[in-house]
Amino acid sequence: MPPPAFDKLRALAIGSQAIGLILIITLETVMGDSARPWQGVVLAAMVATALTIALVRLYRRNLARKRWAERLDDND
């Protein structure tokens, strides 16, 4: 079965990274040098979001492999 044409996790990953980048640039523009700690917080949130999405993707892939293997065992 082919993968779906629209991948929600990929869209979520791209969107979260874009929002994070925009927020980092906006903080620098508005606050100047005092924005550094907040930019670090935003960067940490971006990394945490990316890791969470990667773990969800891995979980879904492993679940699909398990189901596929069960189907193959049932057919034998």
Protein backbone atom coordinates (compact mmCIF):
# COMPACT_ATOMS: atom_id res chain seq x y z
CA MET A 1 0.00 0.00 0.00
CA PRO A 2 1.52 3.37 -1.01
CA PRO A 3 2.04 6.06 1.61
CA PRO A 4 -0.62 8.79 1.79
CA ALA A 5 -0.13 11.84 -0.40
CA PHE A 6 -0.34 14.22 2.57
CA ASP A 7 1.75 13.40 5.63
CA LYS A 8 0.38 15.17 8.72
CA LEU A 9 3.53 14.63 10.76
CA ARG A 10 5.72 16.12 8.04
CA ALA A 11 3.43 19.15 7.78
CA LEU A 12 3.49 19.52 11.57
CA ALA A 13 7.29 19.33 11.62
CA ILE A 14 7.69 21.89 8.86
CA GLY A 15 5.12 24.21 10.44
CA SER A 16 6.63 24.03 13.91
CA GLN A 17 10.13 24.76 12.59
CA ALA A 18 8.84 27.68 10.53
CA ILE A 19 6.99 29.15 13.50
CA GLY A 20 10.06 28.72 15.69
CA LEU A 21 12.32 30.46 13.18
CA ILE A 22 9.87 33.34 12.79
CA LEU A 23 9.61 33.65 16.57
CA ILE A 24 13.40 33.70 16.99
CA ILE A 25 13.77 36.43 14.35
CA THR A 26 10.89 38.42 15.84
CA LEU A 27 12.38 38.22 19.33
CA GLU A 28 15.73 39.50 18.04
CA THR A 29 14.03 42.35 16.20
CA VAL A 30 11.84 43.43 19.10
CA MET A 31 14.08 42.81 22.11
CA GLY A 32 17.59 43.10 20.69
CA ASP A 33 20.34 41.44 22.73
CA SER A 34 18.04 40.76 25.69
CA ALA A 35 16.21 38.20 23.57
CA ARG A 36 19.01 35.61 23.83
CA PRO A 37 17.53 33.57 26.73
CA TRP A 38 14.11 33.52 25.09
CA GLN A 39 15.63 32.44 21.82
CA GLY A 40 17.25 29.57 23.67
CA VAL A 41 13.87 28.57 25.07
CA VAL A 42 12.32 28.68 21.59
CA LEU A 43 15.19 26.62 20.18
CA ALA A 44 14.79 24.04 22.96
CA ALA A 45 11.06 23.85 22.21
CA MET A 46 11.82 23.37 18.51
CA VAL A 47 14.22 20.51 19.26
CA ALA A 48 11.77 18.90 21.68
CA THR A 49 8.99 19.12 19.09
CA ALA A 50 11.22 17.62 16.39
CA LEU A 51 12.23 14.74 18.67
CA THR A 52 8.62 14.09 19.63
CA ILE A 53 7.56 14.00 15.99
CA ALA A 54 10.45 11.66 15.17
CA LEU A 55 9.42 9.30 17.98
CA VAL A 56 5.79 9.30 16.83
CA ARG A 57 6.91 8.56 13.27
CA LEU A 58 9.11 5.70 14.50
CA TYR A 59 6.28 4.29 16.60
CA ARG A 60 3.85 4.40 13.68
CA ARG A 61 6.38 2.79 11.33
CA ASN A 62 7.09 -0.02 13.79
CA LEU A 63 3.37 -0.55 14.37
CA ALA A 64 2.79 -0.77 10.62
CA ARG A 65 5.64 -3.29 10.29
CA LYS A 66 4.19 -5.36 13.11
CA ARG A 67 0.75 -5.38 11.49
CA TRP A 68 2.28 -6.29 8.12
CA ALA A 69 4.19 -9.17 9.71
CA GLU A 70 1.00 -10.40 11.41
CA ARG A 71 -0.80 -10.33 8.06
CA LEU A 72 1.96 -12.35 6.47
CA ASP A 73 1.84 -14.89 9.32
CA ASP A 74 -1.95 -15.16 8.98
CA ASN A 75 -1.65 -15.86 5.25
CA ASP A 76 0.85 -18.68 5.83
